[in-house]
Amino acid sequence: MKLQQLRYLTAIAENGLNITNAAEALYTSQPGVSKQIRLLEDELGLKLFVRRGKRIEALTPAGEKVVERASQVLQQIDAIKTLADELRGEVKGRLSLATTQTQARYVLPSIIDAFRKRFGEIDIELHQGTSEQIAQMIAERQVDFAMATGSTESFTDLVKLPVYRWDRVVVVPKNHPLADSKDALTLQALAEFPLVTYLFSDRPDSSLMKTFARENLTPRIAFTARDSDVIKTYVRTGLGVGLVAGMAVEPELDDDLVVIDASHLFPRLTTWIGYRKDFLLKNYHGDFLKLIAPHIEPYLIDDVLKGRPLPDYEQLLRNTKLPLRG
């Protein structure tokens, strides 16, 4: 039994038992309505209408009872839709997000500030962690949104929107041998020094290690951290050459470091935001997505709020012009 069949049945009853008028009211074809009614009667094992030839003359006693119940079901469906609209329109509640230190420190402050000015009654919760911790938090429903970079293998059950792209940069002290080089940085030159970079970048399947491996090079990873500021601190001590996100360098605070472009060496990375497929987004969630990803077409955000299916993540990546940060 399908809701469509119940709608067709009640429309016939409401249009004087005239299938043609019912079909016009539902913007569909008369043969399609007749077919669905026959399928419904076959499934129920009941005759719902008294017919003379192709003409419907009356509802059978069973038909009258089925129409009454069908009307009640459709009213409840409408009530659920109304409830969903009311829930989406609530301006009190919570917005929670799990993300990495880089996003929390360098990207989100201005977005959170703008959101708080617009929705002062919404409580905001930010949780910082590794990709594995972020995946666990959203899988266990501790947070509404996950925001991370790169691989989405641990986040297969999420609806994801691309947010921006970014490149790595190399940071060294001013007295470092790489600081005075006039030539473009090479992987061979970088492999001569110990590296200080993000947590898990030393894994063989990381984009960093794969890039070196393609050139038959094995980098020396001296230290990894989830925090860009910690990486820069150890670069200053001389522990190694730093590899960080471009947006993690602040000219006014990091003027003691030399920043070297590495965009030609490593693949450009994409940061995305995602939510569970069964999560009911409210209107303020949609406004948050518009603030964090203003380049996403407005009709897609509307589809998100109405629970309509979105193009898959890879298709969105191909069809969306993303900003480059840093």
C-alpha atoms as a PDB file:
ATOM      1  CA  MET A   1       0.000   0.000   0.000  1.00  0.00           C
ATOM      2  CA  LYS A   2       1.336   3.410  -0.995  1.00  0.00           C
ATOM      3  CA  LEU A   3       0.457   6.882   0.245  1.00  0.00           C
ATOM      4  CA  GLN A   4      -0.023   7.844  -3.397  1.00  0.00           C
ATOM      5  CA  GLN A   5      -2.830   5.304  -3.668  1.00  0.00           C
ATOM      6  CA  LEU A   6      -4.542   6.708  -0.573  1.00  0.00           C
ATOM      7  CA  ARG A   7      -4.291  10.218  -2.027  1.00  0.00           C
ATOM      8  CA  TYR A   8      -5.860   9.032  -5.283  1.00  0.00           C
ATOM      9  CA  LEU A   9      -8.654   7.277  -3.386  1.00  0.00           C
ATOM     10  CA  THR A  10      -9.579  10.321  -1.281  1.00  0.00           C
ATOM     11  CA  ALA A  11      -9.310  12.624  -4.303  1.00  0.00           C
ATOM     12  CA  ILE A  12     -11.886  10.517  -6.162  1.00  0.00           C
ATOM     13  CA  ALA A  13     -14.225  10.701  -3.165  1.00  0.00           C
ATOM     14  CA  GLU A  14     -13.725  14.467  -2.905  1.00  0.00           C
ATOM     15  CA  ASN A  15     -14.368  15.019  -6.628  1.00  0.00           C
ATOM     16  CA  GLY A  16     -17.805  13.453  -6.882  1.00  0.00           C
ATOM     17  CA  LEU A  17     -16.415  10.005  -7.773  1.00  0.00           C
ATOM     18  CA  ASN A  18     -15.125  11.443 -11.039  1.00  0.00           C
ATOM     19  CA  ILE A  19     -11.698   9.974 -11.826  1.00  0.00           C
ATOM     20  CA  THR A  20     -10.961  12.543 -14.541  1.00  0.00           C
ATOM     21  CA  ASN A  21     -11.576  15.454 -12.174  1.00  0.00           C
ATOM     22  CA  ALA A  22      -9.528  13.731  -9.456  1.00  0.00           C
ATOM     23  CA  ALA A  23      -6.625  13.232 -11.866  1.00  0.00           C
ATOM     24  CA  GLU A  24      -6.725  16.904 -12.887  1.00  0.00           C
ATOM     25  CA  ALA A  25      -6.748  17.983  -9.225  1.00  0.00           C
ATOM     26  CA  LEU A  26      -3.675  15.841  -8.608  1.00  0.00           C
ATOM     27  CA  TYR A  27      -1.921  16.955 -11.839  1.00  0.00           C
ATOM     28  CA  THR A  28      -1.683  13.384 -13.094  1.00  0.00           C
ATOM     29  CA  SER A  29      -3.307  11.161 -15.706  1.00  0.00           C
ATOM     30  CA  GLN A  30      -6.673   9.432 -15.467  1.00  0.00           C
ATOM     31  CA  PRO A  31      -5.274   6.008 -16.539  1.00  0.00           C
ATOM     32  CA  GLY A  32      -2.576   6.287 -13.860  1.00  0.00           C
ATOM     33  CA  VAL A  33      -5.173   6.946 -11.163  1.00  0.00           C
ATOM     34  CA  SER A  34      -7.359   4.049 -12.345  1.00  0.00           C
ATOM     35  CA  LYS A  35      -4.383   1.681 -12.355  1.00  0.00           C
ATOM     36  CA  GLN A  36      -3.343   2.574  -8.797  1.00  0.00           C
ATOM     37  CA  ILE A  37      -6.900   2.164  -7.501  1.00  0.00           C
ATOM     38  CA  ARG A  38      -7.098  -1.308  -9.078  1.00  0.00           C
ATOM     39  CA  LEU A  39      -3.756  -2.229  -7.453  1.00  0.00           C
ATOM     40  CA  LEU A  40      -5.036  -1.001  -4.094  1.00  0.00           C
ATOM     41  CA  GLU A  41      -8.238  -3.056  -4.399  1.00  0.00           C
ATOM     42  CA  ASP A  42      -6.211  -6.149  -5.362  1.00  0.00           C
ATOM     43  CA  GLU A  43      -3.899  -5.704  -2.361  1.00  0.00           C
ATOM     44  CA  LEU A  44      -6.772  -5.208   0.074  1.00  0.00           C
ATOM     45  CA  GLY A  45      -8.960  -7.876  -1.474  1.00  0.00           C
ATOM     46  CA  LEU A  46     -11.881  -5.421  -1.422  1.00  0.00           C
ATOM     47  CA  LYS A  47     -14.070  -3.674  -3.948  1.00  0.00           C
ATOM     48  CA  LEU A  48     -14.009   0.000  -3.010  1.00  0.00           C
ATOM     49  CA  PHE A  49     -16.408   1.289  -5.683  1.00  0.00           C
ATOM     50  CA  VAL A  50     -19.713   0.306  -7.233  1.00  0.00           C
ATOM     51  CA  ARG A  51     -19.045   0.426 -10.993  1.00  0.00           C
ATOM     52  CA  ARG A  52     -21.263   0.365 -14.055  1.00  0.00           C
ATOM     53  CA  GLY A  53     -18.954  -0.217 -16.984  1.00  0.00           C
ATOM     54  CA  LYS A  54     -16.115   2.299 -16.655  1.00  0.00           C
ATOM     55  CA  ARG A  55     -18.234   4.644 -14.585  1.00  0.00           C
ATOM     56  CA  ILE A  56     -18.106   4.810 -10.775  1.00  0.00           C
ATOM     57  CA  GLU A  57     -21.565   5.131  -9.264  1.00  0.00           C
ATOM     58  CA  ALA A  58     -20.859   4.910  -5.499  1.00  0.00           C
ATOM     59  CA  LEU A  59     -18.531   3.804  -2.782  1.00  0.00           C
ATOM     60  CA  THR A  60     -19.096   0.336  -1.419  1.00  0.00           C
ATOM     61  CA  PRO A  61     -19.626   0.066   2.375  1.00  0.00           C
ATOM     62  CA  ALA A  62     -16.028  -1.182   2.617  1.00  0.00           C
ATOM     63  CA  GLY A  63     -14.918   1.706   0.391  1.00  0.00           C
ATOM     64  CA  GLU A  64     -16.550   4.251   2.698  1.00  0.00           C
ATOM     65  CA  LYS A  65     -14.622   2.877   5.686  1.00  0.00           C
ATOM     66  CA  VAL A  66     -11.328   2.750   3.777  1.00  0.00           C
ATOM     67  CA  VAL A  67     -11.765   6.346   2.555  1.00  0.00           C
ATOM     68  CA  GLU A  68     -12.453   7.467   6.129  1.00  0.00           C
ATOM     69  CA  ARG A  69      -9.265   5.783   7.403  1.00  0.00           C
ATOM     70  CA  ALA A  70      -7.262   7.007   4.414  1.00  0.00           C
ATOM     71  CA  SER A  71      -8.331  10.597   5.136  1.00  0.00           C
ATOM     72  CA  GLN A  72      -7.187  10.211   8.733  1.00  0.00           C
ATOM     73  CA  VAL A  73      -3.796   8.846   7.608  1.00  0.00           C
ATOM     74  CA  LEU A  74      -3.266  11.717   5.180  1.00  0.00           C
ATOM     75  CA  GLN A  75      -4.229  14.234   7.874  1.00  0.00           C
ATOM     76  CA  GLN A  76      -1.577  12.729  10.147  1.00  0.00           C
ATOM     77  CA  ILE A  77       0.982  12.948   7.326  1.00  0.00           C
ATOM     78  CA  ASP A  78       0.169  16.638   6.935  1.00  0.00           C
ATOM     79  CA  ALA A  79       0.436  17.065  10.713  1.00  0.00           C
ATOM     80  CA  ILE A  80       3.898  15.481  10.694  1.00  0.00           C
ATOM     81  CA  LYS A  81       5.002  17.852   7.909  1.00  0.00           C
ATOM     82  CA  THR A  82       3.660  20.790   9.892  1.00  0.00           C
ATOM     83  CA  LEU A  83       5.506  19.547  12.974  1.00  0.00           C
ATOM     84  CA  ALA A  84       8.737  19.277  10.971  1.00  0.00           C
ATOM     85  CA  ASP A  85       8.308  22.858   9.747  1.00  0.00           C
ATOM     86  CA  GLU A  86       7.733  24.005  13.328  1.00  0.00           C
ATOM     87  CA  LEU A  87      10.800  22.139  14.560  1.00  0.00           C
ATOM     88  CA  ARG A  88      12.940  23.619  11.801  1.00  0.00           C
ATOM     89  CA  GLY A  89      11.685  27.062  12.665  1.00  0.00           C
ATOM     90  CA  GLU A  90      12.631  26.870  16.345  1.00  0.00           C
ATOM     91  CA  VAL A  91      15.065  29.576  17.409  1.00  0.00           C
ATOM     92  CA  LYS A  92      16.056  27.933  20.675  1.00  0.00           C
ATOM     93  CA  GLY A  93      18.346  24.967  20.913  1.00  0.00           C
ATOM     94  CA  ARG A  94      21.907  23.875  20.363  1.00  0.00           C
ATOM     95  CA  LEU A  95      24.391  23.776  17.526  1.00  0.00           C
ATOM     96  CA  SER A  96      27.369  21.483  18.091  1.00  0.00           C
ATOM     97  CA  LEU A  97      30.375  20.915  15.874  1.00  0.00           C
ATOM     98  CA  ALA A  98      33.405  18.633  16.076  1.00  0.00           C
ATOM     99  CA  THR A  99      36.450  19.773  14.141  1.00  0.00           C
ATOM    100  CA  THR A 100      40.227  20.009  14.093  1.00  0.00           C
ATOM    101  CA  GLN A 101      42.405  22.594  15.820  1.00  0.00           C
ATOM    102  CA  THR A 102      43.206  24.306  12.522  1.00  0.00           C
ATOM    103  CA  GLN A 103      39.527  24.956  11.738  1.00  0.00           C
ATOM    104  CA  ALA A 104      38.700  25.931  15.339  1.00  0.00           C
ATOM    105  CA  ARG A 105      41.663  28.286  15.633  1.00  0.00           C
ATOM    106  CA  TYR A 106      41.932  29.917  12.212  1.00  0.00           C
ATOM    107  CA  VAL A 107      38.640  29.503  10.328  1.00  0.00           C
ATOM    108  CA  LEU A 108      35.647  29.323  12.656  1.00  0.00           C
ATOM    109  CA  PRO A 109      35.986  32.364  15.006  1.00  0.00           C
ATOM    110  CA  SER A 110      34.537  34.909  12.556  1.00  0.00           C
ATOM    111  CA  ILE A 111      31.794  32.486  11.475  1.00  0.00           C
ATOM    112  CA  ILE A 112      30.803  31.673  15.048  1.00  0.00           C
ATOM    113  CA  ASP A 113      30.784  35.385  15.899  1.00  0.00           C
ATOM    114  CA  ALA A 114      28.458  36.175  12.976  1.00  0.00           C
ATOM    115  CA  PHE A 115      26.167  33.282  13.909  1.00  0.00           C
ATOM    116  CA  ARG A 116      25.954  34.317  17.572  1.00  0.00           C
ATOM    117  CA  LYS A 117      24.972  37.852  16.576  1.00  0.00           C
ATOM    118  CA  ARG A 118      22.116  36.448  14.509  1.00  0.00           C
ATOM    119  CA  PHE A 119      21.015  33.666  16.861  1.00  0.00           C
ATOM    120  CA  GLY A 120      21.794  34.776  20.388  1.00  0.00           C
ATOM    121  CA  GLU A 121      19.511  32.157  21.961  1.00  0.00           C
ATOM    122  CA  ILE A 122      21.244  29.196  20.333  1.00  0.00           C
ATOM    123  CA  ASP A 123      23.894  27.483  22.468  1.00  0.00           C
ATOM    124  CA  ILE A 124      27.073  26.680  20.521  1.00  0.00           C
ATOM    125  CA  GLU A 125      29.341  23.769  21.408  1.00  0.00           C
ATOM    126  CA  LEU A 126      32.720  23.225  19.738  1.00  0.00           C
ATOM    127  CA  HIS A 127      34.672  20.011  20.169  1.00  0.00           C
ATOM    128  CA  GLN A 128      38.249  19.635  18.973  1.00  0.00           C
ATOM    129  CA  GLY A 129      39.795  16.328  18.005  1.00  0.00           C
ATOM    130  CA  THR A 130      41.553  14.142  15.474  1.00  0.00           C
ATOM    131  CA  SER A 131      39.708  12.776  12.437  1.00  0.00           C
ATOM    132  CA  GLU A 132      39.117   9.513  14.311  1.00  0.00           C
ATOM    133  CA  GLN A 133      37.725  11.341  17.342  1.00  0.00           C
ATOM    134  CA  ILE A 134      35.507  13.535  15.152  1.00  0.00           C
ATOM    135  CA  ALA A 135      34.145  10.444  13.375  1.00  0.00           C
ATOM    136  CA  GLN A 136      33.359   8.827  16.707  1.00  0.00           C
ATOM    137  CA  MET A 137      31.636  11.927  18.094  1.00  0.00           C
ATOM    138  CA  ILE A 138      29.254  12.298  15.180  1.00  0.00           C
ATOM    139  CA  ALA A 139      28.626   8.537  14.927  1.00  0.00           C
ATOM    140  CA  GLU A 140      27.624   8.529  18.610  1.00  0.00           C
ATOM    141  CA  ARG A 141      25.380  11.588  18.068  1.00  0.00           C
ATOM    142  CA  GLN A 142      27.408  13.767  20.418  1.00  0.00           C
ATOM    143  CA  VAL A 143      27.523  16.540  17.789  1.00  0.00           C
ATOM    144  CA  ASP A 144      25.387  17.852  14.929  1.00  0.00           C
ATOM    145  CA  PHE A 145      28.173  18.542  12.441  1.00  0.00           C
ATOM    146  CA  ALA A 146      31.626  17.194  11.645  1.00  0.00           C
ATOM    147  CA  MET A 147      34.190  19.395   9.918  1.00  0.00           C
ATOM    148  CA  ALA A 148      37.407  17.831   8.680  1.00  0.00           C
ATOM    149  CA  THR A 149      39.859  17.697   5.807  1.00  0.00           C
ATOM    150  CA  GLY A 150      40.719  15.139   3.178  1.00  0.00           C
ATOM    151  CA  SER A 151      39.705  11.492   3.357  1.00  0.00           C
ATOM    152  CA  THR A 152      36.015  10.788   3.940  1.00  0.00           C
ATOM    153  CA  GLU A 153      36.403   7.019   4.419  1.00  0.00           C
ATOM    154  CA  SER A 154      35.535   7.245   8.129  1.00  0.00           C
ATOM    155  CA  PHE A 155      32.472   9.384   7.386  1.00  0.00           C
ATOM    156  CA  THR A 156      30.552   7.304   4.848  1.00  0.00           C
ATOM    157  CA  ASP A 157      27.143   7.796   6.511  1.00  0.00           C
ATOM    158  CA  LEU A 158      27.227  11.598   6.336  1.00  0.00           C
ATOM    159  CA  VAL A 159      25.849  14.147   3.925  1.00  0.00           C
ATOM    160  CA  LYS A 160      28.923  16.269   3.106  1.00  0.00           C
ATOM    161  CA  LEU A 161      29.371  19.747   1.640  1.00  0.00           C
ATOM    162  CA  PRO A 162      32.777  21.041   0.478  1.00  0.00           C
ATOM    163  CA  VAL A 163      33.803  24.229   2.319  1.00  0.00           C
ATOM    164  CA  TYR A 164      37.167  25.414   0.965  1.00  0.00           C
ATOM    165  CA  ARG A 165      40.527  24.296  -0.396  1.00  0.00           C
ATOM    166  CA  TRP A 166      43.963  24.961   1.049  1.00  0.00           C
ATOM    167  CA  ASP A 167      47.642  24.313   0.464  1.00  0.00           C
ATOM    168  CA  ARG A 168      50.491  23.398   2.773  1.00  0.00           C
ATOM    169  CA  VAL A 169      53.342  25.797   3.412  1.00  0.00           C
ATOM    170  CA  VAL A 170      56.795  25.201   4.849  1.00  0.00           C
ATOM    171  CA  VAL A 171      57.901  27.291   7.835  1.00  0.00           C
ATOM    172  CA  VAL A 172      61.502  27.601   9.071  1.00  0.00           C
ATOM    173  CA  PRO A 173      63.472  29.961  11.331  1.00  0.00           C
ATOM    174  CA  LYS A 174      65.189  32.855   9.599  1.00  0.00           C
ATOM    175  CA  ASN A 175      68.607  31.260  10.097  1.00  0.00           C
ATOM    176  CA  HIS A 176      67.615  27.960   8.478  1.00  0.00           C
ATOM    177  CA  PRO A 177      69.410  26.905   5.248  1.00  0.00           C
ATOM    178  CA  LEU A 178      66.099  26.796   3.343  1.00  0.00           C
ATOM    179  CA  ALA A 179      65.261  30.358   4.361  1.00  0.00           C
ATOM    180  CA  ASP A 180      67.775  31.948   1.958  1.00  0.00           C
ATOM    181  CA  SER A 181      67.237  29.680  -1.028  1.00  0.00           C
ATOM    182  CA  LYS A 182      66.316  31.527  -4.213  1.00  0.00           C
ATOM    183  CA  ASP A 183      65.153  28.383  -6.004  1.00  0.00           C
ATOM    184  CA  ALA A 184      61.709  26.812  -5.800  1.00  0.00           C
ATOM    185  CA  LEU A 185      61.543  24.265  -3.024  1.00  0.00           C
ATOM    186  CA  THR A 186      61.904  20.614  -4.062  1.00  0.00           C
ATOM    187  CA  LEU A 187      60.952  17.389  -2.335  1.00  0.00           C
ATOM    188  CA  GLN A 188      64.600  16.333  -2.485  1.00  0.00           C
ATOM    189  CA  ALA A 189      65.650  19.435  -0.555  1.00  0.00           C
ATOM    190  CA  LEU A 190      62.843  18.969   1.965  1.00  0.00           C
ATOM    191  CA  ALA A 191      63.765  15.305   2.524  1.00  0.00           C
ATOM    192  CA  GLU A 192      67.203  16.362   3.760  1.00  0.00           C
ATOM    193  CA  PHE A 193      65.709  17.815   6.964  1.00  0.00           C
ATOM    194  CA  PRO A 194      63.567  16.367   9.771  1.00  0.00           C
ATOM    195  CA  LEU A 195      59.939  17.417   9.450  1.00  0.00           C
ATOM    196  CA  VAL A 196      57.442  18.681  12.014  1.00  0.00           C
ATOM    197  CA  THR A 197      53.844  18.325  10.844  1.00  0.00           C
ATOM    198  CA  TYR A 198      50.280  17.260  11.625  1.00  0.00           C
ATOM    199  CA  LEU A 199      49.247  14.159  13.505  1.00  0.00           C
ATOM    200  CA  PHE A 200      48.947  11.037  11.327  1.00  0.00           C
ATOM    201  CA  SER A 201      50.837  12.654   8.435  1.00  0.00           C
ATOM    202  CA  ASP A 202      53.515  10.004   9.013  1.00  0.00           C
ATOM    203  CA  ARG A 203      51.117   7.206   8.060  1.00  0.00           C
ATOM    204  CA  PRO A 204      52.005   5.480   4.763  1.00  0.00           C
ATOM    205  CA  ASP A 205      48.537   6.222   3.334  1.00  0.00           C
ATOM    206  CA  SER A 206      48.699   9.972   4.072  1.00  0.00           C
ATOM    207  CA  SER A 207      48.916  12.359   1.122  1.00  0.00           C
ATOM    208  CA  LEU A 208      52.224  13.652   2.513  1.00  0.00           C
ATOM    209  CA  MET A 209      53.916  10.246   2.586  1.00  0.00           C
ATOM    210  CA  LYS A 210      52.455   9.223  -0.773  1.00  0.00           C
ATOM    211  CA  THR A 211      53.904  12.367  -2.357  1.00  0.00           C
ATOM    212  CA  PHE A 212      57.404  11.536  -1.149  1.00  0.00           C
ATOM    213  CA  ALA A 213      56.997   7.866  -2.059  1.00  0.00           C
ATOM    214  CA  ARG A 214      56.232   8.766  -5.690  1.00  0.00           C
ATOM    215  CA  GLU A 215      59.712  10.325  -5.844  1.00  0.00           C
ATOM    216  CA  ASN A 216      61.278   7.323  -4.055  1.00  0.00           C
ATOM    217  CA  LEU A 217      62.014   9.508  -1.042  1.00  0.00           C
ATOM    218  CA  THR A 218      61.542   8.723   2.638  1.00  0.00           C
ATOM    219  CA  PRO A 219      61.025  11.825   4.801  1.00  0.00           C
ATOM    220  CA  ARG A 220      62.193  11.966   8.401  1.00  0.00           C
ATOM    221  CA  ILE A 221      59.231  12.852  10.608  1.00  0.00           C
ATOM    222  CA  ALA A 222      60.657  14.284  13.830  1.00  0.00           C
ATOM    223  CA  PHE A 223      57.375  15.258  15.499  1.00  0.00           C
ATOM    224  CA  THR A 224      53.631  15.290  14.810  1.00  0.00           C
ATOM    225  CA  ALA A 225      50.917  17.310  16.528  1.00  0.00           C
ATOM    226  CA  ARG A 226      47.254  18.136  16.029  1.00  0.00           C
ATOM    227  CA  ASP A 227      47.948  21.801  16.830  1.00  0.00           C
ATOM    228  CA  SER A 228      49.521  24.192  14.293  1.00  0.00           C
ATOM    229  CA  ASP A 229      50.763  26.443  17.094  1.00  0.00           C
ATOM    230  CA  VAL A 230      52.600  23.503  18.684  1.00  0.00           C
ATOM    231  CA  ILE A 231      54.209  22.686  15.335  1.00  0.00           C
ATOM    232  CA  LYS A 232      55.432  26.272  14.960  1.00  0.00           C
ATOM    233  CA  THR A 233      56.760  26.224  18.527  1.00  0.00           C
ATOM    234  CA  TYR A 234      58.975  23.229  17.790  1.00  0.00           C
ATOM    235  CA  VAL A 235      60.088  24.720  14.485  1.00  0.00           C
ATOM    236  CA  ARG A 236      61.360  27.679  16.515  1.00  0.00           C
ATOM    237  CA  THR A 237      63.357  25.319  18.743  1.00  0.00           C
ATOM    238  CA  GLY A 238      65.090  23.886  15.678  1.00  0.00           C
ATOM    239  CA  LEU A 239      63.533  20.418  15.957  1.00  0.00           C
ATOM    240  CA  GLY A 240      62.656  20.384  12.262  1.00  0.00           C
ATOM    241  CA  VAL A 241      61.098  22.024   9.225  1.00  0.00           C
ATOM    242  CA  GLY A 242      57.404  22.759   9.700  1.00  0.00           C
ATOM    243  CA  LEU A 243      54.635  21.746   7.308  1.00  0.00           C
ATOM    244  CA  VAL A 244      51.348  23.478   8.151  1.00  0.00           C
ATOM    245  CA  ALA A 245      48.184  24.771   6.503  1.00  0.00           C
ATOM    246  CA  GLY A 246      48.646  28.130   4.813  1.00  0.00           C
ATOM    247  CA  MET A 247      45.926  29.759   6.937  1.00  0.00           C
ATOM    248  CA  ALA A 248      47.798  28.735  10.113  1.00  0.00           C
ATOM    249  CA  VAL A 249      50.507  31.353   9.506  1.00  0.00           C
ATOM    250  CA  GLU A 250      49.738  34.743  11.046  1.00  0.00           C
ATOM    251  CA  PRO A 251      52.078  37.489   9.779  1.00  0.00           C
ATOM    252  CA  GLU A 252      51.779  39.610  12.912  1.00  0.00           C
ATOM    253  CA  LEU A 253      52.550  36.687  15.242  1.00  0.00           C
ATOM    254  CA  ASP A 254      54.854  34.573  13.096  1.00  0.00           C
ATOM    255  CA  ASP A 255      57.161  37.254  11.702  1.00  0.00           C
ATOM    256  CA  ASP A 256      60.150  35.388  13.157  1.00  0.00           C
ATOM    257  CA  LEU A 257      59.506  32.527  10.716  1.00  0.00           C
ATOM    258  CA  VAL A 258      60.093  32.330   6.972  1.00  0.00           C
ATOM    259  CA  VAL A 259      57.159  30.950   4.984  1.00  0.00           C
ATOM    260  CA  ILE A 260      57.986  28.957   1.831  1.00  0.00           C
ATOM    261  CA  ASP A 261      55.406  28.027  -0.788  1.00  0.00           C
ATOM    262  CA  ALA A 262      54.848  24.270  -1.108  1.00  0.00           C
ATOM    263  CA  SER A 263      51.675  24.275  -3.218  1.00  0.00           C
ATOM    264  CA  HIS A 264      53.612  22.864  -6.195  1.00  0.00           C
ATOM    265  CA  LEU A 265      54.842  19.898  -4.146  1.00  0.00           C
ATOM    266  CA  PHE A 266      51.757  18.529  -2.422  1.00  0.00           C
ATOM    267  CA  PRO A 267      48.138  17.967  -3.518  1.00  0.00           C
ATOM    268  CA  ARG A 268      45.643  20.687  -2.650  1.00  0.00           C
ATOM    269  CA  LEU A 269      43.394  19.638   0.236  1.00  0.00           C
ATOM    270  CA  THR A 270      39.651  20.160   0.736  1.00  0.00           C
ATOM    271  CA  THR A 271      37.887  20.835   4.015  1.00  0.00           C
ATOM    272  CA  TRP A 272      34.259  19.713   4.227  1.00  0.00           C
ATOM    273  CA  ILE A 273      31.365  19.813   6.685  1.00  0.00           C
ATOM    274  CA  GLY A 274      28.913  16.966   7.149  1.00  0.00           C
ATOM    275  CA  TYR A 275      25.919  15.769   9.148  1.00  0.00           C
ATOM    276  CA  ARG A 276      24.131  12.442   9.669  1.00  0.00           C
ATOM    277  CA  LYS A 277      21.593  11.490   7.031  1.00  0.00           C
ATOM    278  CA  ASP A 278      18.849  11.113   9.668  1.00  0.00           C
ATOM    279  CA  PHE A 279      19.565  14.455  11.352  1.00  0.00           C
ATOM    280  CA  LEU A 280      16.667  16.947  11.323  1.00  0.00           C
ATOM    281  CA  LEU A 281      18.200  20.277  10.370  1.00  0.00           C
ATOM    282  CA  LYS A 282      16.448  23.358  11.674  1.00  0.00           C
ATOM    283  CA  ASN A 283      16.426  26.691   9.920  1.00  0.00           C
ATOM    284  CA  TYR A 284      19.296  28.021  12.015  1.00  0.00           C
ATOM    285  CA  HIS A 285      21.395  25.024  10.946  1.00  0.00           C
ATOM    286  CA  GLY A 286      20.786  26.119   7.371  1.00  0.00           C
ATOM    287  CA  ASP A 287      21.921  29.658   8.206  1.00  0.00           C
ATOM    288  CA  PHE A 288      25.085  28.226   9.763  1.00  0.00           C
ATOM    289  CA  LEU A 289      25.816  26.285   6.579  1.00  0.00           C
ATOM    290  CA  LYS A 290      25.309  29.443   4.530  1.00  0.00           C
ATOM    291  CA  LEU A 291      27.839  31.270   6.716  1.00  0.00           C
ATOM    292  CA  ILE A 292      30.413  28.516   6.562  1.00  0.00           C
ATOM    293  CA  ALA A 293      29.926  27.711   2.860  1.00  0.00           C
ATOM    294  CA  PRO A 294      28.473  30.807   1.141  1.00  0.00           C
ATOM    295  CA  HIS A 295      29.540  29.461  -2.254  1.00  0.00           C
ATOM    296  CA  ILE A 296      27.035  26.570  -2.052  1.00  0.00           C
ATOM    297  CA  GLU A 297      23.979  27.306  -4.197  1.00  0.00           C
ATOM    298  CA  PRO A 298      21.028  28.499  -2.025  1.00  0.00           C
ATOM    299  CA  TYR A 299      18.683  25.909  -3.526  1.00  0.00           C
ATOM    300  CA  LEU A 300      20.992  23.156  -2.248  1.00  0.00           C
ATOM    301  CA  ILE A 301      20.749  24.516   1.303  1.00  0.00           C
ATOM    302  CA  ASP A 302      16.965  24.565   0.873  1.00  0.00           C
ATOM    303  CA  ASP A 303      17.115  20.924  -0.238  1.00  0.00           C
ATOM    304  CA  VAL A 304      19.181  20.177   2.879  1.00  0.00           C
ATOM    305  CA  LEU A 305      16.515  21.723   5.140  1.00  0.00           C
ATOM    306  CA  LYS A 306      13.684  19.880   3.410  1.00  0.00           C
ATOM    307  CA  GLY A 307      15.491  16.542   3.589  1.00  0.00           C
ATOM    308  CA  ARG A 308      15.780  16.220  -0.177  1.00  0.00           C
ATOM    309  CA  PRO A 309      18.696  14.192  -1.575  1.00  0.00           C
ATOM    310  CA  LEU A 310      21.806  16.121  -2.573  1.00  0.00           C
ATOM    311  CA  PRO A 311      24.309  15.281  -5.298  1.00  0.00           C
ATOM    312  CA  ASP A 312      27.060  13.033  -3.939  1.00  0.00           C
ATOM    313  CA  TYR A 313      30.144  14.675  -2.463  1.00  0.00           C
ATOM    314  CA  GLU A 314      32.400  14.016  -5.463  1.00  0.00           C
ATOM    315  CA  GLN A 315      29.839  15.567  -7.812  1.00  0.00           C
ATOM    316  CA  LEU A 316      29.564  18.642  -5.569  1.00  0.00           C
ATOM    317  CA  LEU A 317      33.357  18.937  -5.646  1.00  0.00           C
ATOM    318  CA  ARG A 318      33.358  18.890  -9.443  1.00  0.00           C
ATOM    319  CA  ASN A 319      30.531  21.385  -9.828  1.00  0.00           C
ATOM    320  CA  THR A 320      31.359  23.899  -7.061  1.00  0.00           C
ATOM    321  CA  LYS A 321      33.958  26.639  -7.299  1.00  0.00           C
ATOM    322  CA  LEU A 322      35.545  26.565  -3.856  1.00  0.00           C
ATOM    323  CA  PRO A 323      37.456  29.432  -2.226  1.00  0.00           C
ATOM    324  CA  LEU A 324      41.160  28.979  -1.529  1.00  0.00           C
ATOM    325  CA  ARG A 325      42.163  29.882   2.020  1.00  0.00           C
ATOM    326  CA  GLY A 326      45.598  30.898   3.179  1.00  0.00           C
END
